[in-house]
Amino acid sequence: MNQITKAVFTLFFIGYVLSSCTPNNVTIDNSLKTYFDSAKVTGTFALFDNGQGHFTIYNLSRFKDSAYTPASTFKIVNSLIGLQTGRIINEKMIIKWDGIKRWNEDWNKDLSMEEAFKVSAVPYYQEVARRIGKDTMQGWLDSLKYGNHKIGNRVDSFWLDNSLKITSDEQLGLVKKLYFGQLPFNKTTMDIVKKVMVHENNANYILSYKTGWGFKENGNALGWIVGWIEENKHPYFFVLNLEGNHDTNIYAVRQKMLTEILKKLGFLEGKR
């Protein structure tokens, strides 16, 4: 085996190990159950330490095997496809408000892509999806192997109506590939999406993520937060998936849980 072949094999092997979830690199942390119980929800949380190639997971079966509508976490992929295909020129591109008053006042105005991403504006991204078109969207979902790849009948709502479903494992894998520039998009496209995902950037850490809020077929409320935290220039990738009764305040619950769990695991306080 020559040096080039060895190098290629080594890189392949490292990539394979870091993308695999096996009993040898997983710690099941049932102490995290208390955060779900106190919020009266069920769900899963996983964190991947990229440097050690190690997972910390609560509720492994839900993490690996249960697929749900991605809701607004799909704005990560919708943004990537929109930018790559030119339907979104850049993060400053404005789509005019259609004049329809919706429940979230932050949506009822002209928005740029970065603004729409931050306030999770469904109408903006529905228009982006319509401009992308069903065939192009389907091609990208197939290429990315995103969840079950299913669009269903409507290109502007499939990520909300339970046509498209994805596991927490797949969600974490997607943002890890995005962070390292390993998705089939150009660097500028991925850099823009990574930039708009940043929520906190201070001397101790950079916290980047996208949230999601939807409903299962049985009416239960479903919540997501998927992203990464960097401390000492070292990335840790995480996914929080939870569900509760239809009237659960997902917005408040998921943010509180993420903060509490990350602190429990030693983040957010400059201790890493």
Protein backbone atom coordinates (compact mmCIF):
# COMPACT_ATOMS: atom_id res chain seq x y z
CA MET A 1 0.00 0.00 0.00
CA ASN A 2 1.65 3.27 -1.13
CA GLN A 3 1.56 6.50 0.91
CA ILE A 4 -1.30 8.04 -1.09
CA THR A 5 -3.41 4.90 -0.75
CA LYS A 6 -2.67 4.80 2.98
CA ALA A 7 -3.69 8.44 3.38
CA VAL A 8 -6.96 7.90 1.50
CA PHE A 9 -7.72 4.78 3.53
CA THR A 10 -6.97 6.59 6.79
CA LEU A 11 -9.23 9.52 5.92
CA PHE A 12 -12.01 7.13 4.90
CA PHE A 13 -11.65 5.14 8.10
CA ILE A 14 -11.70 8.25 10.30
CA GLY A 15 -14.77 9.55 8.48
CA TYR A 16 -16.50 6.21 8.89
CA VAL A 17 -15.77 6.01 12.61
CA LEU A 18 -16.95 9.56 13.31
CA SER A 19 -20.20 9.01 11.42
CA SER A 20 -21.00 5.75 13.18
CA CYS A 21 -22.95 5.25 16.35
CA THR A 22 -21.90 1.95 17.95
CA PRO A 23 -22.11 0.62 21.50
CA ASN A 24 -18.36 1.25 21.88
CA ASN A 25 -18.60 5.00 21.39
CA VAL A 26 -21.91 5.74 23.13
CA THR A 27 -22.62 6.74 26.72
CA ILE A 28 -26.28 6.41 27.68
CA ASP A 29 -27.05 9.25 30.09
CA ASN A 30 -30.36 8.52 31.78
CA SER A 31 -29.81 11.42 34.19
CA LEU A 32 -31.11 13.67 31.39
CA LYS A 33 -34.55 12.10 31.78
CA THR A 34 -35.29 14.51 34.62
CA TYR A 35 -35.33 17.47 32.19
CA PHE A 36 -37.94 15.77 30.01
CA ASP A 37 -40.01 14.69 33.00
CA SER A 38 -40.01 18.15 34.58
CA ALA A 39 -41.23 19.65 31.30
CA LYS A 40 -43.87 16.89 30.96
CA VAL A 41 -42.56 15.79 27.57
CA THR A 42 -40.88 12.74 26.08
CA GLY A 43 -37.99 12.76 23.66
CA THR A 44 -34.30 12.29 23.09
CA PHE A 45 -31.09 14.27 23.34
CA ALA A 46 -27.73 13.45 21.80
CA LEU A 47 -24.37 15.20 21.78
CA PHE A 48 -21.41 14.15 19.64
CA ASP A 49 -17.91 15.09 20.79
CA ASN A 50 -16.13 15.35 17.46
CA GLY A 51 -12.63 15.29 18.95
CA GLN A 52 -13.24 12.04 20.84
CA GLY A 53 -15.66 10.49 18.38
CA HIS A 54 -18.05 9.89 21.28
CA PHE A 55 -21.82 10.20 21.72
CA THR A 56 -23.72 11.07 24.88
CA ILE A 57 -27.34 10.04 24.37
CA TYR A 58 -30.58 9.93 26.29
CA ASN A 59 -33.17 7.54 24.77
CA LEU A 60 -31.06 5.78 22.15
CA SER A 61 -33.96 3.97 20.45
CA ARG A 62 -35.82 7.23 19.75
CA PHE A 63 -32.58 8.86 18.58
CA LYS A 64 -31.79 6.15 16.02
CA ASP A 65 -35.11 4.65 15.00
CA SER A 66 -37.97 7.16 15.29
CA ALA A 67 -38.60 9.58 12.42
CA TYR A 68 -40.66 12.76 12.64
CA THR A 69 -41.54 15.79 10.57
CA PRO A 70 -38.51 18.11 10.55
CA ALA A 71 -40.74 21.21 10.77
CA SER A 72 -38.64 24.37 10.58
CA THR A 73 -35.32 22.57 10.97
CA PHE A 74 -35.84 21.93 7.25
CA LYS A 75 -35.02 25.61 6.71
CA ILE A 76 -31.38 24.51 6.88
CA VAL A 77 -31.79 22.39 3.76
CA ASN A 78 -34.31 24.73 2.11
CA SER A 79 -31.72 27.52 2.47
CA LEU A 80 -28.91 25.38 1.07
CA ILE A 81 -30.93 24.32 -1.97
CA GLY A 82 -32.30 27.84 -2.50
CA LEU A 83 -28.82 29.35 -2.45
CA GLN A 84 -27.23 26.63 -4.58
CA THR A 85 -29.91 26.93 -7.27
CA GLY A 86 -29.94 30.73 -7.24
CA ARG A 87 -33.51 30.99 -5.99
CA ILE A 88 -31.95 32.78 -3.03
CA ILE A 89 -29.22 35.15 -4.23
CA ASN A 90 -27.66 35.63 -0.80
CA GLU A 91 -28.69 36.08 2.83
CA LYS A 92 -29.73 39.68 2.11
CA MET A 93 -32.28 38.74 -0.55
CA ILE A 94 -35.71 40.11 0.32
CA ILE A 95 -39.01 38.45 -0.47
CA LYS A 96 -41.93 40.86 -0.26
CA TRP A 97 -44.66 40.21 2.29
CA ASP A 98 -47.82 38.95 0.58
CA GLY A 99 -50.02 41.12 2.79
CA ILE A 100 -51.64 38.19 4.59
CA LYS A 101 -51.69 38.70 8.38
CA ARG A 102 -50.40 35.66 10.25
CA TRP A 103 -50.13 34.76 13.93
CA ASN A 104 -46.47 35.72 14.18
CA GLU A 105 -46.05 39.47 13.74
CA ASP A 106 -42.38 38.98 12.84
CA TRP A 107 -43.55 37.36 9.60
CA ASN A 108 -45.87 40.18 8.54
CA LYS A 109 -43.34 42.29 6.66
CA ASP A 110 -40.75 42.13 3.91
CA LEU A 111 -37.93 39.83 5.04
CA SER A 112 -34.41 39.01 3.96
CA MET A 113 -33.26 35.40 4.09
CA GLU A 114 -31.23 35.93 7.27
CA GLU A 115 -34.19 37.64 8.96
CA ALA A 116 -36.58 34.90 7.83
CA PHE A 117 -34.22 32.23 9.14
CA LYS A 118 -33.90 33.91 12.54
CA VAL A 119 -37.66 34.33 13.04
CA SER A 120 -38.38 30.99 11.31
CA ALA A 121 -40.75 32.64 8.82
CA VAL A 122 -42.78 29.88 7.18
CA PRO A 123 -44.21 32.07 4.35
CA TYR A 124 -40.72 33.13 3.19
CA TYR A 125 -39.51 29.55 2.92
CA GLN A 126 -42.73 28.34 1.34
CA GLU A 127 -42.11 30.85 -1.44
CA VAL A 128 -38.50 29.68 -1.73
CA ALA A 129 -39.71 26.07 -2.07
CA ARG A 130 -42.20 27.06 -4.79
CA ARG A 131 -39.41 28.82 -6.69
CA ILE A 132 -37.17 25.75 -6.37
CA GLY A 133 -39.94 23.52 -7.72
CA LYS A 134 -40.95 19.98 -6.87
CA ASP A 135 -38.67 18.10 -9.28
CA THR A 136 -35.55 20.04 -8.28
CA MET A 137 -36.41 19.75 -4.61
CA GLN A 138 -36.94 16.01 -4.95
CA GLY A 139 -33.61 15.61 -6.69
CA TRP A 140 -31.80 17.32 -3.85
CA LEU A 141 -33.61 15.33 -1.15
CA ASP A 142 -32.63 12.14 -2.95
CA SER A 143 -29.02 13.32 -3.31
CA LEU A 144 -28.80 14.25 0.36
CA LYS A 145 -30.64 11.07 1.42
CA TYR A 146 -32.61 13.40 3.68
CA GLY A 147 -34.94 11.38 5.90
CA ASN A 148 -37.51 9.42 3.90
CA HIS A 149 -37.08 11.84 0.91
CA LYS A 150 -40.90 12.23 0.60
CA ILE A 151 -42.41 15.48 -0.65
CA GLY A 152 -46.01 14.36 -1.06
CA ASN A 153 -48.49 16.51 -2.96
CA ARG A 154 -47.34 20.03 -2.05
CA VAL A 155 -43.84 21.43 -2.48
CA ASP A 156 -44.56 24.27 -0.03
CA SER A 157 -45.64 22.26 3.01
CA PHE A 158 -44.17 18.74 2.89
CA TRP A 159 -41.78 19.46 5.79
CA LEU A 160 -44.73 20.52 7.94
CA ASP A 161 -47.50 18.03 7.08
CA ASN A 162 -45.72 14.78 8.06
CA SER A 163 -44.93 13.77 4.47
CA LEU A 164 -41.20 14.24 5.08
CA LYS A 165 -39.79 12.55 8.17
CA ILE A 166 -36.29 12.30 9.61
CA THR A 167 -34.62 10.71 12.64
CA SER A 168 -32.62 12.57 15.26
CA ASP A 169 -29.57 10.55 14.20
CA GLU A 170 -29.96 11.83 10.62
CA GLN A 171 -30.47 15.40 11.82
CA LEU A 172 -27.23 15.32 13.80
CA GLY A 173 -25.38 13.79 10.87
CA LEU A 174 -26.59 16.54 8.55
CA VAL A 175 -25.35 19.43 10.69
CA LYS A 176 -22.03 17.68 11.27
CA LYS A 177 -21.52 17.42 7.51
CA LEU A 178 -22.60 21.04 7.09
CA TYR A 179 -20.09 22.22 9.68
CA PHE A 180 -17.23 20.41 7.96
CA GLY A 181 -18.32 21.38 4.45
CA GLN A 182 -19.08 17.78 3.47
CA LEU A 183 -22.47 18.34 1.84
CA PRO A 184 -22.84 18.54 -1.97
CA PHE A 185 -23.09 22.34 -2.04
CA ASN A 186 -20.46 24.93 -2.78
CA LYS A 187 -18.49 26.47 0.08
CA THR A 188 -20.15 29.89 -0.17
CA THR A 189 -23.60 28.30 0.12
CA MET A 190 -22.65 26.32 3.23
CA ASP A 191 -20.83 29.28 4.80
CA ILE A 192 -23.92 31.48 4.47
CA VAL A 193 -26.14 28.90 6.15
CA LYS A 194 -23.62 28.33 8.94
CA LYS A 195 -23.49 32.08 9.51
CA VAL A 196 -27.26 32.52 9.83
CA MET A 197 -27.42 29.59 12.26
CA VAL A 198 -25.30 31.44 14.86
CA HIS A 199 -27.39 32.48 17.88
CA GLU A 200 -24.69 33.30 20.44
CA ASN A 201 -21.07 34.27 19.89
CA ASN A 202 -19.00 35.32 22.91
CA ALA A 203 -15.61 34.80 24.49
CA ASN A 204 -16.59 31.39 25.89
CA TYR A 205 -18.49 29.72 23.07
CA ILE A 206 -20.31 29.94 19.74
CA LEU A 207 -23.78 28.39 19.75
CA SER A 208 -25.40 27.66 16.37
CA TYR A 209 -28.69 25.90 15.74
CA LYS A 210 -32.09 25.78 14.08
CA THR A 211 -35.34 25.13 15.86
CA GLY A 212 -38.49 23.38 14.71
CA TRP A 213 -42.06 23.19 15.96
CA GLY A 214 -44.72 20.99 14.42
CA PHE A 215 -47.42 18.45 15.14
CA LYS A 216 -47.58 14.68 14.75
CA GLU A 217 -50.49 12.91 13.07
CA ASN A 218 -51.93 12.17 16.54
CA GLY A 219 -51.97 15.90 17.40
CA ASN A 220 -49.02 15.88 19.77
CA ALA A 221 -46.76 18.92 19.63
CA LEU A 222 -43.25 18.18 18.38
CA GLY A 223 -40.12 20.22 18.95
CA TRP A 224 -36.55 20.21 17.63
CA ILE A 225 -33.28 22.01 18.17
CA VAL A 226 -30.34 20.83 16.06
CA GLY A 227 -26.89 22.38 15.72
CA TRP A 228 -23.52 22.65 17.41
CA ILE A 229 -21.60 24.43 20.13
CA GLU A 230 -17.93 25.40 19.79
CA GLU A 231 -15.78 25.84 22.87
CA ASN A 232 -12.02 26.38 22.54
CA LYS A 233 -12.51 26.01 18.78
CA HIS A 234 -13.75 22.46 19.30
CA PRO A 235 -17.19 21.52 17.88
CA TYR A 236 -19.80 19.42 19.65
CA PHE A 237 -22.92 18.54 17.65
CA PHE A 238 -26.31 18.09 19.29
CA VAL A 239 -29.94 17.31 18.63
CA LEU A 240 -32.90 17.77 20.96
CA ASN A 241 -36.19 16.15 19.95
CA LEU A 242 -39.25 16.31 22.19
CA GLU A 243 -43.01 15.90 22.12
CA GLY A 244 -45.88 16.67 24.43
CA ASN A 245 -49.60 17.38 24.47
CA HIS A 246 -50.91 19.56 21.64
CA ASP A 247 -50.94 22.65 23.88
CA THR A 248 -47.33 22.26 25.08
CA ASN A 249 -45.42 25.55 24.81
CA ILE A 250 -42.69 24.05 22.64
CA TYR A 251 -40.93 27.39 22.16
CA ALA A 252 -40.33 27.89 25.88
CA VAL A 253 -39.74 24.25 26.77
CA ARG A 254 -37.13 23.45 24.13
CA GLN A 255 -35.02 26.57 24.82
CA LYS A 256 -35.03 25.96 28.57
CA MET A 257 -34.19 22.29 28.15
CA LEU A 258 -31.32 22.94 25.75
CA THR A 259 -29.73 25.46 28.10
CA GLU A 260 -30.15 23.22 31.14
CA ILE A 261 -28.82 20.10 29.41
CA LEU A 262 -25.81 21.86 27.92
CA LYS A 263 -24.93 23.31 31.33
CA LYS A 264 -25.36 19.88 32.90
CA LEU A 265 -22.85 18.53 30.39
CA GLY A 266 -20.36 21.28 31.20
CA PHE A 267 -21.01 23.83 28.44
CA LEU A 268 -21.92 27.55 28.29
CA GLU A 269 -19.78 28.56 31.25
CA GLY A 270 -16.27 28.56 29.79
CA LYS A 271 -15.23 25.36 31.51
CA ARG A 272 -14.31 23.32 28.43
